[in-house]
PDB file of N, CA and C in Angstrom:
ATOM      1  N   MET A   1       2.499  20.139   1.043  1.00  0.00           N
ATOM      2  CA  MET A   1       1.285  20.064   1.705  1.00  0.00           C
ATOM      3  C   MET A   1       2.078  19.330   3.654  1.00  0.00           C
ATOM      4  N   LEU A   2       2.455  20.774   4.709  1.00  0.00           N
ATOM      5  CA  LEU A   2       3.207  20.384   5.448  1.00  0.00           C
ATOM      6  C   LEU A   2       2.087  20.113   6.797  1.00  0.00           C
ATOM      7  N   LYS A   3       2.162  19.065   7.682  1.00  0.00           N
ATOM      8  CA  LYS A   3       1.594  19.346   9.219  1.00  0.00           C
ATOM      9  C   LYS A   3       2.267  19.040  10.410  1.00  0.00           C
ATOM     10  N   THR A   4       2.436  20.110  11.005  1.00  0.00           N
ATOM     11  CA  THR A   4       3.306  19.887  12.068  1.00  0.00           C
ATOM     12  C   THR A   4       3.059  19.450  13.168  1.00  0.00           C
ATOM     13  N   ILE A   5       3.844  18.817  13.964  1.00  0.00           N
ATOM     14  CA  ILE A   5       3.699  17.639  14.949  1.00  0.00           C
ATOM     15  C   ILE A   5       4.873  18.338  15.666  1.00  0.00           C
ATOM     16  N   GLY A   6       5.022  18.476  17.117  1.00  0.00           N
ATOM     17  CA  GLY A   6       5.480  19.059  17.754  1.00  0.00           C
ATOM     18  C   GLY A   6       6.380  20.368  17.236  1.00  0.00           C
ATOM     19  N   GLN A   7       7.701  20.023  16.432  1.00  0.00           N
ATOM     20  CA  GLN A   7       8.750  21.147  16.021  1.00  0.00           C
ATOM     21  C   GLN A   7       9.006  20.430  14.761  1.00  0.00           C
ATOM     22  N   SER A   8       8.345  19.426  14.162  1.00  0.00           N
ATOM     23  CA  SER A   8       8.897  18.615  13.323  1.00  0.00           C
ATOM     24  C   SER A   8       7.839  18.629  12.009  1.00  0.00           C
ATOM     25  N   PRO A   9       8.600  19.315  10.725  1.00  0.00           N
ATOM     26  CA  PRO A   9       7.276  19.302  10.087  1.00  0.00           C
ATOM     27  C   PRO A   9       7.396  17.798   9.254  1.00  0.00           C
ATOM     28  N   ILE A  10       6.164  17.299   8.803  1.00  0.00           N
ATOM     29  CA  ILE A  10       6.103  16.081   7.947  1.00  0.00           C
ATOM     30  C   ILE A  10       5.263  16.218   6.438  1.00  0.00           C
ATOM     31  N   SER A  11       6.031  15.873   5.415  1.00  0.00           N
ATOM     32  CA  SER A  11       5.290  15.831   4.437  1.00  0.00           C
ATOM     33  C   SER A  11       4.014  14.588   4.206  1.00  0.00           C
ATOM     34  N   LEU A  12       3.485  15.048   3.956  1.00  0.00           N
ATOM     35  CA  LEU A  12       2.233  13.783   3.602  1.00  0.00           C
ATOM     36  C   LEU A  12       2.378  13.469   2.691  1.00  0.00           C
ATOM     37  N   PRO A  13       2.655  13.686   1.284  1.00  0.00           N
ATOM     38  CA  PRO A  13       3.039  13.322  -0.007  1.00  0.00           C
ATOM     39  C   PRO A  13       4.045  12.132   0.287  1.00  0.00           C
ATOM     40  N   PHE A  14       5.091  12.042   1.063  1.00  0.00           N
ATOM     41  CA  PHE A  14       6.455  11.523   1.405  1.00  0.00           C
ATOM     42  C   PHE A  14       5.370  10.516   2.181  1.00  0.00           C
ATOM     43  N   VAL A  15       4.949  10.407   3.320  1.00  0.00           N
ATOM     44  CA  VAL A  15       4.272   9.461   4.081  1.00  0.00           C
ATOM     45  C   VAL A  15       3.373   8.590   3.272  1.00  0.00           C
ATOM     46  N   ALA A  16       2.305   9.105   2.376  1.00  0.00           N
ATOM     47  CA  ALA A  16       1.310   8.417   1.198  1.00  0.00           C
ATOM     48  C   ALA A  16       2.681   7.534   0.368  1.00  0.00           C
ATOM     49  N   SER A  17       3.571   8.122  -0.385  1.00  0.00           N
ATOM     50  CA  SER A  17       4.516   7.201  -1.316  1.00  0.00           C
ATOM     51  C   SER A  17       5.294   6.112  -0.686  1.00  0.00           C
ATOM     52  N   LYS A  18       5.772   6.292   0.932  1.00  0.00           N
ATOM     53  CA  LYS A  18       6.639   5.585   1.817  1.00  0.00           C
ATOM     54  C   LYS A  18       5.615   4.282   1.809  1.00  0.00           C
ATOM     55  N   ILE A  19       4.104   4.614   2.101  1.00  0.00           N
ATOM     56  CA  ILE A  19       3.053   3.593   2.634  1.00  0.00           C
ATOM     57  C   ILE A  19       2.945   2.668   0.974  1.00  0.00           C
ATOM     58  N   MET A  20       2.607   3.760  -0.129  1.00  0.00           N
ATOM     59  CA  MET A  20       2.329   3.295  -1.486  1.00  0.00           C
ATOM     60  C   MET A  20       3.721   1.916  -1.733  1.00  0.00           C
ATOM     61  N   GLU A  21       4.845   2.339  -1.698  1.00  0.00           N
ATOM     62  CA  GLU A  21       6.073   1.726  -1.889  1.00  0.00           C
ATOM     63  C   GLU A  21       5.771   0.319  -1.102  1.00  0.00           C
ATOM     64  N   ARG A  22       5.654   0.748   0.347  1.00  0.00           N
ATOM     65  CA  ARG A  22       5.978  -0.811   1.247  1.00  0.00           C
ATOM     66  C   ARG A  22       4.443  -1.577   0.832  1.00  0.00           C
ATOM     67  N   ILE A  23       3.658  -1.357   0.190  1.00  0.00           N
ATOM     68  CA  ILE A  23       2.178  -2.427  -0.447  1.00  0.00           C
ATOM     69  C   ILE A  23       3.146  -2.846  -1.736  1.00  0.00           C
ATOM     70  N   ILE A  24       3.698  -1.927  -2.552  1.00  0.00           N
ATOM     71  CA  ILE A  24       4.156  -2.546  -3.911  1.00  0.00           C
ATOM     72  C   ILE A  24       4.814  -3.430  -3.390  1.00  0.00           C
ATOM     73  N   SER A  25       5.970  -3.301  -2.700  1.00  0.00           N
ATOM     74  CA  SER A  25       7.036  -4.413  -2.438  1.00  0.00           C
ATOM     75  C   SER A  25       6.350  -5.609  -1.834  1.00  0.00           C
ATOM     76  N   ASP A  26       5.419  -5.415  -0.785  1.00  0.00           N
ATOM     77  CA  ASP A  26       5.271  -6.819  -0.296  1.00  0.00           C
ATOM     78  C   ASP A  26       4.344  -7.492  -1.356  1.00  0.00           C
ATOM     79  N   GLN A  27       3.398  -6.764  -2.433  1.00  0.00           N
ATOM     80  CA  GLN A  27       2.998  -7.708  -3.125  1.00  0.00           C
ATOM     81  C   GLN A  27       3.610  -8.023  -4.292  1.00  0.00           C
ATOM     82  N   MET A  28       4.877  -7.949  -4.676  1.00  0.00           N
ATOM     83  CA  MET A  28       5.921  -7.771  -5.686  1.00  0.00           C
ATOM     84  C   MET A  28       6.956  -9.241  -5.341  1.00  0.00           C
ATOM     85  N   ALA A  29       7.188  -9.231  -3.937  1.00  0.00           N
ATOM     86  CA  ALA A  29       7.588 -10.232  -2.965  1.00  0.00           C
ATOM     87  C   ALA A  29       6.641 -11.617  -3.107  1.00  0.00           C
ATOM     88  N   SER A  30       5.485 -10.869  -2.821  1.00  0.00           N
ATOM     89  CA  SER A  30       4.621 -12.435  -2.871  1.00  0.00           C
ATOM     90  C   SER A  30       4.328 -13.009  -4.093  1.00  0.00           C
ATOM     91  N   PHE A  31       4.165 -11.788  -5.256  1.00  0.00           N
ATOM     92  CA  PHE A  31       4.041 -12.505  -6.750  1.00  0.00           C
ATOM     93  C   PHE A  31       5.115 -13.317  -6.855  1.00  0.00           C
ATOM     94  N   PHE A  32       6.500 -12.981  -6.961  1.00  0.00           N
ATOM     95  CA  PHE A  32       7.641 -13.677  -7.177  1.00  0.00           C
ATOM     96  C   PHE A  32       7.918 -14.851  -6.520  1.00  0.00           C
ATOM     97  N   LEU A  33       7.399 -14.730  -5.009  1.00  0.00           N
ATOM     98  CA  LEU A  33       7.494 -15.910  -4.302  1.00  0.00           C
ATOM     99  C   LEU A  33       6.693 -17.258  -4.739  1.00  0.00           C
ATOM    100  N   GLU A  34       5.417 -16.871  -5.160  1.00  0.00           N
ATOM    101  CA  GLU A  34       4.367 -17.809  -5.768  1.00  0.00           C
ATOM    102  C   GLU A  34       4.893 -18.438  -6.954  1.00  0.00           C
ATOM    103  N   LYS A  35       5.809 -17.352  -7.803  1.00  0.00           N
ATOM    104  CA  LYS A  35       6.201 -18.128  -9.340  1.00  0.00           C
ATOM    105  C   LYS A  35       7.269 -18.780  -9.613  1.00  0.00           C
ATOM    106  N   TYR A  36       8.254 -18.486  -7.923  1.00  0.00           N
ATOM    107  CA  TYR A  36       9.632 -19.541  -7.701  1.00  0.00           C
ATOM    108  C   TYR A  36      10.178 -18.602  -8.455  1.00  0.00           C
ATOM    109  N   VAL A  37      10.197 -17.393  -8.460  1.00  0.00           N
ATOM    110  CA  VAL A  37      11.186 -16.417  -9.123  1.00  0.00           C
ATOM    111  C   VAL A  37      12.174 -16.120  -7.993  1.00  0.00           C
ATOM    112  N   ILE A  38      11.908 -16.027  -6.815  1.00  0.00           N
ATOM    113  CA  ILE A  38      12.612 -15.855  -5.419  1.00  0.00           C
ATOM    114  C   ILE A  38      12.637 -17.009  -4.746  1.00  0.00           C
ATOM    115  N   ASP A  39      13.804 -17.414  -4.804  1.00  0.00           N
ATOM    116  CA  ASP A  39      14.049 -18.664  -3.812  1.00  0.00           C
ATOM    117  C   ASP A  39      13.640 -18.269  -2.320  1.00  0.00           C
ATOM    118  N   LYS A  40      13.130 -19.209  -1.469  1.00  0.00           N
ATOM    119  CA  LYS A  40      12.756 -18.906   0.281  1.00  0.00           C
ATOM    120  C   LYS A  40      13.924 -19.025   0.672  1.00  0.00           C
ATOM    121  N   ALA A  41      15.194 -18.929   0.509  1.00  0.00           N
ATOM    122  CA  ALA A  41      16.542 -18.647   0.858  1.00  0.00           C
ATOM    123  C   ALA A  41      16.683 -17.134   0.616  1.00  0.00           C
ATOM    124  N   GLN A  42      16.289 -16.560   0.272  1.00  0.00           N
ATOM    125  CA  GLN A  42      16.700 -15.293  -0.083  1.00  0.00           C
ATOM    126  C   GLN A  42      16.425 -14.341   0.769  1.00  0.00           C
ATOM    127  N   HIS A  43      17.579 -13.346   1.513  1.00  0.00           N
ATOM    128  CA  HIS A  43      17.383 -12.619   2.379  1.00  0.00           C
ATOM    129  C   HIS A  43      16.646 -11.347   2.818  1.00  0.00           C
ATOM    130  N   GLY A  44      17.289 -11.049   1.240  1.00  0.00           N
ATOM    131  CA  GLY A  44      16.494  -9.291   1.357  1.00  0.00           C
ATOM    132  C   GLY A  44      15.252  -9.467   0.529  1.00  0.00           C
ATOM    133  N   PHE A  45      14.648  -7.995   1.325  1.00  0.00           N
ATOM    134  CA  PHE A  45      13.285  -7.967   0.740  1.00  0.00           C
ATOM    135  C   PHE A  45      12.101  -8.812   1.202  1.00  0.00           C
ATOM    136  N   LEU A  46      12.363  -9.727   2.041  1.00  0.00           N
ATOM    137  CA  LEU A  46      11.614 -10.556   2.592  1.00  0.00           C
ATOM    138  C   LEU A  46      11.004 -10.787   4.119  1.00  0.00           C
ATOM    139  N   LYS A  47      10.068 -10.268   4.410  1.00  0.00           N
ATOM    140  CA  LYS A  47       9.650 -10.010   5.628  1.00  0.00           C
ATOM    141  C   LYS A  47      10.427 -11.074   6.955  1.00  0.00           C
ATOM    142  N   GLY A  48      10.987 -10.720   7.881  1.00  0.00           N
ATOM    143  CA  GLY A  48      11.659 -11.291   8.690  1.00  0.00           C
ATOM    144  C   GLY A  48      12.918 -11.757   8.418  1.00  0.00           C
ATOM    145  N   LEU A  49      13.800 -11.218   7.434  1.00  0.00           N
ATOM    146  CA  LEU A  49      15.042 -11.497   6.788  1.00  0.00           C
ATOM    147  C   LEU A  49      15.694 -10.207   6.298  1.00  0.00           C
ATOM    148  N   SER A  50      17.159 -10.233   6.592  1.00  0.00           N
ATOM    149  CA  SER A  50      17.512  -8.919   6.243  1.00  0.00           C
ATOM    150  C   SER A  50      19.024  -9.299   5.619  1.00  0.00           C
ATOM    151  N   THR A  51      19.719  -8.081   5.607  1.00  0.00           N
ATOM    152  CA  THR A  51      21.056  -8.495   5.132  1.00  0.00           C
ATOM    153  C   THR A  51      21.627  -9.118   6.589  1.00  0.00           C
ATOM    154  N   SER A  52      21.433  -8.761   7.831  1.00  0.00           N
ATOM    155  CA  SER A  52      21.942  -9.245   8.912  1.00  0.00           C
ATOM    156  C   SER A  52      21.479 -10.448   9.214  1.00  0.00           C
ATOM    157  N   THR A  53      20.262 -10.931   8.964  1.00  0.00           N
ATOM    158  CA  THR A  53      20.307 -12.533   8.988  1.00  0.00           C
ATOM    159  C   THR A  53      20.977 -13.262   7.955  1.00  0.00           C
ATOM    160  N   ASN A  54      20.852 -12.677   6.899  1.00  0.00           N
ATOM    161  CA  ASN A  54      21.845 -13.433   5.738  1.00  0.00           C
ATOM    162  C   ASN A  54      23.436 -13.590   5.953  1.00  0.00           C
ATOM    163  N   LEU A  55      23.962 -12.515   6.884  1.00  0.00           N
ATOM    164  CA  LEU A  55      25.163 -12.664   7.235  1.00  0.00           C
ATOM    165  C   LEU A  55      25.564 -13.552   8.368  1.00  0.00           C
ATOM    166  N   LEU A  56      24.496 -13.885   8.976  1.00  0.00           N
ATOM    167  CA  LEU A  56      24.475 -14.616  10.237  1.00  0.00           C
ATOM    168  C   LEU A  56      24.293 -15.912   9.657  1.00  0.00           C
ATOM    169  N   GLU A  57      23.628 -16.027   8.734  1.00  0.00           N
ATOM    170  CA  GLU A  57      23.657 -17.715   8.395  1.00  0.00           C
ATOM    171  C   GLU A  57      24.456 -17.875   7.734  1.00  0.00           C
ATOM    172  N   CYS A  58      25.328 -16.816   6.862  1.00  0.00           N
ATOM    173  CA  CYS A  58      26.668 -17.030   6.029  1.00  0.00           C
ATOM    174  C   CYS A  58      27.816 -17.662   7.016  1.00  0.00           C
ATOM    175  N   PHE A  59      27.756 -16.719   7.606  1.00  0.00           N
ATOM    176  CA  PHE A  59      28.938 -16.954   9.339  1.00  0.00           C
ATOM    177  C   PHE A  59      28.723 -18.031   9.915  1.00  0.00           C
ATOM    178  N   ASN A  60      27.523 -18.694   9.960  1.00  0.00           N
ATOM    179  CA  ASN A  60      27.492 -19.824  10.487  1.00  0.00           C
ATOM    180  C   ASN A  60      27.848 -21.085   9.389  1.00  0.00           C
ATOM    181  N   HIS A  61      26.952 -20.771   8.330  1.00  0.00           N
ATOM    182  CA  HIS A  61      27.865 -21.647   7.297  1.00  0.00           C
ATOM    183  C   HIS A  61      29.344 -21.874   7.273  1.00  0.00           C
ATOM    184  N   TRP A  62      30.244 -20.751   7.170  1.00  0.00           N
ATOM    185  CA  TRP A  62      31.603 -20.325   7.078  1.00  0.00           C
ATOM    186  C   TRP A  62      31.885 -21.446   8.042  1.00  0.00           C
ATOM    187  N   THR A  63      31.431 -21.053   9.576  1.00  0.00           N
ATOM    188  CA  THR A  63      32.164 -21.593  10.783  1.00  0.00           C
ATOM    189  C   THR A  63      31.882 -23.228  10.416  1.00  0.00           C
ATOM    190  N   ILE A  64      31.086 -23.740  10.161  1.00  0.00           N
ATOM    191  CA  ILE A  64      30.920 -24.867   9.846  1.00  0.00           C
ATOM    192  C   ILE A  64      31.832 -25.798   8.883  1.00  0.00           C
ATOM    193  N   SER A  65      32.245 -24.882   7.653  1.00  0.00           N
ATOM    194  CA  SER A  65      32.888 -25.529   6.928  1.00  0.00           C
ATOM    195  C   SER A  65      34.412 -25.608   7.142  1.00  0.00           C
ATOM    196  N   ILE A  66      34.461 -24.635   7.752  1.00  0.00           N
ATOM    197  CA  ILE A  66      36.292 -24.252   8.080  1.00  0.00           C
ATOM    198  C   ILE A  66      36.681 -25.470   9.270  1.00  0.00           C
ATOM    199  N   LYS A  67      35.513 -25.626  10.472  1.00  0.00           N
ATOM    200  CA  LYS A  67      35.911 -26.405  11.445  1.00  0.00           C
ATOM    201  C   LYS A  67      36.212 -28.053  10.683  1.00  0.00           C
ATOM    202  N   ALA A  68      35.059 -27.844   9.239  1.00  0.00           N
ATOM    203  CA  ALA A  68      35.297 -29.325   8.722  1.00  0.00           C
ATOM    204  C   ALA A  68      36.399 -29.230   7.663  1.00  0.00           C
ATOM    205  N   ARG A  69      37.179 -28.185   7.706  1.00  0.00           N
ATOM    206  CA  ARG A  69      38.445 -28.370   6.597  1.00  0.00           C
ATOM    207  C   ARG A  69      37.957 -28.357   5.406  1.00  0.00           C
ATOM    208  N   LYS A  70      37.125 -27.438   5.203  1.00  0.00           N
ATOM    209  CA  LYS A  70      36.497 -27.707   3.414  1.00  0.00           C
ATOM    210  C   LYS A  70      37.038 -26.020   3.396  1.00  0.00           C
ATOM    211  N   ALA A  71      36.958 -25.856   2.203  1.00  0.00           N
ATOM    212  CA  ALA A  71      37.691 -24.470   1.897  1.00  0.00           C
ATOM    213  C   ALA A  71      36.190 -23.315   1.766  1.00  0.00           C
ATOM    214  N   VAL A  72      36.925 -22.097   2.065  1.00  0.00           N
ATOM    215  CA  VAL A  72      35.619 -21.257   1.866  1.00  0.00           C
ATOM    216  C   VAL A  72      35.684 -20.129   1.160  1.00  0.00           C
ATOM    217  N   THR A  73      35.307 -19.969  -0.216  1.00  0.00           N
ATOM    218  CA  THR A  73      35.420 -18.223  -0.831  1.00  0.00           C
ATOM    219  C   THR A  73      34.211 -17.277  -0.497  1.00  0.00           C
ATOM    220  N   ILE A  74      34.817 -16.469  -0.293  1.00  0.00           N
ATOM    221  CA  ILE A  74      33.809 -15.167   0.226  1.00  0.00           C
ATOM    222  C   ILE A  74      33.843 -14.273  -0.824  1.00  0.00           C
ATOM    223  N   ALA A  75      32.611 -13.608  -1.247  1.00  0.00           N
ATOM    224  CA  ALA A  75      32.757 -12.504  -2.348  1.00  0.00           C
ATOM    225  C   ALA A  75      31.878 -11.748  -1.850  1.00  0.00           C
ATOM    226  N   PHE A  76      32.041 -10.107  -1.726  1.00  0.00           N
ATOM    227  CA  PHE A  76      30.923  -9.216  -1.602  1.00  0.00           C
ATOM    228  C   PHE A  76      30.299  -8.646  -2.498  1.00  0.00           C
ATOM    229  N   ALA A  77      29.294  -7.831  -2.708  1.00  0.00           N
ATOM    230  CA  ALA A  77      29.087  -6.987  -3.710  1.00  0.00           C
ATOM    231  C   ALA A  77      27.740  -6.084  -3.341  1.00  0.00           C
ATOM    232  N   LYS A  78      27.652  -5.024  -3.654  1.00  0.00           N
ATOM    233  CA  LYS A  78      26.673  -4.230  -3.493  1.00  0.00           C
ATOM    234  C   LYS A  78      25.795  -4.365  -5.052  1.00  0.00           C
ATOM    235  N   ALA A  79      24.418  -5.037  -4.628  1.00  0.00           N
ATOM    236  CA  ALA A  79      23.576  -5.889  -5.388  1.00  0.00           C
ATOM    237  C   ALA A  79      23.408  -4.471  -6.582  1.00  0.00           C
ATOM    238  N   PHE A  80      22.782  -3.551  -6.268  1.00  0.00           N
ATOM    239  CA  PHE A  80      22.349  -2.494  -7.435  1.00  0.00           C
ATOM    240  C   PHE A  80      23.091  -1.466  -7.875  1.00  0.00           C
ATOM    241  N   ASP A  81      24.683  -1.666  -7.385  1.00  0.00           N
ATOM    242  CA  ASP A  81      26.017  -1.062  -8.187  1.00  0.00           C
ATOM    243  C   ASP A  81      25.911  -2.243  -8.992  1.00  0.00           C
ATOM    244  N   THR A  82      25.700  -3.238  -8.862  1.00  0.00           N
ATOM    245  CA  THR A  82      26.268  -4.075 -10.320  1.00  0.00           C
ATOM    246  C   THR A  82      24.712  -4.330 -11.082  1.00  0.00           C
ATOM    247  N   VAL A  83      23.943  -4.007 -10.866  1.00  0.00           N
ATOM    248  CA  VAL A  83      22.565  -4.308 -11.612  1.00  0.00           C
ATOM    249  C   VAL A  83      22.609  -3.288 -12.607  1.00  0.00           C
ATOM    250  N   SER A  84      22.484  -3.858 -14.161  1.00  0.00           N
ATOM    251  CA  SER A  84      21.845  -2.807 -15.132  1.00  0.00           C
ATOM    252  C   SER A  84      20.671  -3.082 -15.127  1.00  0.00           C
ATOM    253  N   HIS A  85      20.265  -1.546 -14.737  1.00  0.00           N
ATOM    254  CA  HIS A  85      18.786  -1.170 -14.584  1.00  0.00           C
ATOM    255  C   HIS A  85      17.834  -1.444 -15.904  1.00  0.00           C
ATOM    256  N   PRO A  86      18.628  -1.549 -17.039  1.00  0.00           N
ATOM    257  CA  PRO A  86      17.734  -1.445 -18.185  1.00  0.00           C
ATOM    258  C   PRO A  86      17.396  -3.245 -18.292  1.00  0.00           C
ATOM    259  N   LYS A  87      18.145  -4.061 -18.061  1.00  0.00           N
ATOM    260  CA  LYS A  87      18.396  -5.562 -17.603  1.00  0.00           C
ATOM    261  C   LYS A  87      17.155  -5.864 -16.832  1.00  0.00           C
ATOM    262  N   LEU A  88      17.002  -5.314 -15.600  1.00  0.00           N
ATOM    263  CA  LEU A  88      16.625  -5.634 -14.618  1.00  0.00           C
ATOM    264  C   LEU A  88      14.540  -5.308 -14.871  1.00  0.00           C
ATOM    265  N   LEU A  89      14.996  -4.350 -15.634  1.00  0.00           N
ATOM    266  CA  LEU A  89      13.290  -3.885 -16.157  1.00  0.00           C
ATOM    267  C   LEU A  89      12.534  -4.893 -17.249  1.00  0.00           C
ATOM    268  N   TYR A  90      13.762  -5.194 -18.103  1.00  0.00           N
ATOM    269  CA  TYR A  90      13.727  -6.310 -18.908  1.00  0.00           C
ATOM    270  C   TYR A  90      12.933  -7.184 -18.226  1.00  0.00           C
ATOM    271  N   ARG A  91      13.714  -7.825 -17.126  1.00  0.00           N
ATOM    272  CA  ARG A  91      13.499  -8.854 -16.643  1.00  0.00           C
ATOM    273  C   ARG A  91      11.801  -9.003 -15.976  1.00  0.00           C
ATOM    274  N   LEU A  92      11.921  -7.811 -15.111  1.00  0.00           N
ATOM    275  CA  LEU A  92      10.463  -7.795 -14.695  1.00  0.00           C
ATOM    276  C   LEU A  92       9.497  -8.189 -15.980  1.00  0.00           C
ATOM    277  N   LYS A  93       9.481  -7.218 -16.766  1.00  0.00           N
ATOM    278  CA  LYS A  93       8.577  -7.087 -18.230  1.00  0.00           C
ATOM    279  C   LYS A  93       8.355  -8.828 -18.123  1.00  0.00           C
ATOM    280  N   GLN A  94       9.742  -9.685 -18.582  1.00  0.00           N
ATOM    281  CA  GLN A  94       9.484 -11.195 -19.012  1.00  0.00           C
ATOM    282  C   GLN A  94       8.700 -12.027 -17.542  1.00  0.00           C
ATOM    283  N   TYR A  95       8.916 -11.178 -16.394  1.00  0.00           N
ATOM    284  CA  TYR A  95       7.607 -12.099 -15.359  1.00  0.00           C
ATOM    285  C   TYR A  95       6.756 -11.740 -15.251  1.00  0.00           C
ATOM    286  N   GLY A  96       5.922 -10.904 -16.143  1.00  0.00           N
ATOM    287  CA  GLY A  96       4.540 -10.450 -15.796  1.00  0.00           C
ATOM    288  C   GLY A  96       4.603  -8.971 -15.693  1.00  0.00           C
ATOM    289  N   ILE A  97       5.523  -8.351 -15.098  1.00  0.00           N
ATOM    290  CA  ILE A  97       5.302  -6.639 -14.562  1.00  0.00           C
ATOM    291  C   ILE A  97       5.012  -5.789 -15.412  1.00  0.00           C
ATOM    292  N   ASP A  98       4.373  -5.135 -15.686  1.00  0.00           N
ATOM    293  CA  ASP A  98       4.324  -4.266 -16.836  1.00  0.00           C
ATOM    294  C   ASP A  98       3.578  -3.183 -16.319  1.00  0.00           C
ATOM    295  N   GLY A  99       2.980  -2.030 -17.726  1.00  0.00           N
ATOM    296  CA  GLY A  99       2.161  -0.924 -17.356  1.00  0.00           C
ATOM    297  C   GLY A  99       2.756  -0.106 -16.228  1.00  0.00           C
ATOM    298  N   CYS A 100       1.836   0.281 -15.706  1.00  0.00           N
ATOM    299  CA  CYS A 100       2.190   1.559 -14.638  1.00  0.00           C
ATOM    300  C   CYS A 100       3.087   1.060 -13.772  1.00  0.00           C
ATOM    301  N   LEU A 101       2.786  -0.019 -13.310  1.00  0.00           N
ATOM    302  CA  LEU A 101       3.869  -0.244 -12.265  1.00  0.00           C
ATOM    303  C   LEU A 101       5.319  -0.374 -13.246  1.00  0.00           C
ATOM    304  N   LEU A 102       5.377  -0.852 -13.875  1.00  0.00           N
ATOM    305  CA  LEU A 102       7.215  -0.938 -14.290  1.00  0.00           C
ATOM    306  C   LEU A 102       7.305   0.365 -14.914  1.00  0.00           C
ATOM    307  N   LYS A 103       6.844   1.473 -15.115  1.00  0.00           N
ATOM    308  CA  LYS A 103       7.070   2.664 -15.310  1.00  0.00           C
ATOM    309  C   LYS A 103       7.357   3.123 -13.958  1.00  0.00           C
ATOM    310  N   TRP A 104       6.520   2.982 -12.577  1.00  0.00           N
ATOM    311  CA  TRP A 104       6.616   3.279 -11.811  1.00  0.00           C
ATOM    312  C   TRP A 104       8.041   2.946 -10.936  1.00  0.00           C
ATOM    313  N   ILE A 105       8.785   1.608 -11.060  1.00  0.00           N
ATOM    314  CA  ILE A 105       9.594   1.411 -10.760  1.00  0.00           C
ATOM    315  C   ILE A 105      10.899   1.619 -11.648  1.00  0.00           C
ATOM    316  N   GLU A 106      10.754   2.569 -13.396  1.00  0.00           N
ATOM    317  CA  GLU A 106      11.722   2.593 -14.177  1.00  0.00           C
ATOM    318  C   GLU A 106      11.984   4.212 -13.221  1.00  0.00           C
ATOM    319  N   SER A 107      10.696   4.866 -13.230  1.00  0.00           N
ATOM    320  CA  SER A 107      11.336   6.042 -12.431  1.00  0.00           C
ATOM    321  C   SER A 107      11.757   6.211 -11.099  1.00  0.00           C
ATOM    322  N   PHE A 108      11.912   5.142 -10.462  1.00  0.00           N
ATOM    323  CA  PHE A 108      12.438   5.106  -8.920  1.00  0.00           C
ATOM    324  C   PHE A 108      13.923   5.147  -9.377  1.00  0.00           C
ATOM    325  N   PHE A 109      14.185   4.073 -10.209  1.00  0.00           N
ATOM    326  CA  PHE A 109      15.753   4.250 -10.750  1.00  0.00           C
ATOM    327  C   PHE A 109      16.324   5.391 -11.070  1.00  0.00           C
ATOM    328  N   VAL A 110      15.357   6.610 -11.721  1.00  0.00           N
ATOM    329  CA  VAL A 110      15.918   7.837 -12.408  1.00  0.00           C
ATOM    330  C   VAL A 110      15.925   8.762 -10.888  1.00  0.00           C
ATOM    331  N   TRP A 111      15.596   8.253 -10.309  1.00  0.00           N
ATOM    332  CA  TRP A 111      15.427   9.399  -8.893  1.00  0.00           C
ATOM    333  C   TRP A 111      16.586   9.129  -7.811  1.00  0.00           C
ATOM    334  N   SER A 112      16.655   7.505  -7.620  1.00  0.00           N
ATOM    335  CA  SER A 112      17.591   7.120  -7.022  1.00  0.00           C
ATOM    336  C   SER A 112      18.919   7.358  -7.092  1.00  0.00           C
TER     337      SER A 112
END
């Protein structure tokens, strides 16, 4: 189903799936914070924090360490390039995520 606004078609199912994705993401982040699975220092996937805020915080820490003549080791990796999807799904189940939600997340990995 497409609705046209001006010259750009908008797919309503796509918009609905994005809204659902945001709701699930917010609920899972709250769940994992409450269960202390995610540390409050985590930047990715939390409101008001991002990879940019993480880099700014790290840069500040590195600068302070270098000024104090301390060694600094830096390693970068793409998170989802290094995470085994079956292992992640297993861990989510261990933390209490199961049923339709776990199947939805699994299908997301198939399509991504």
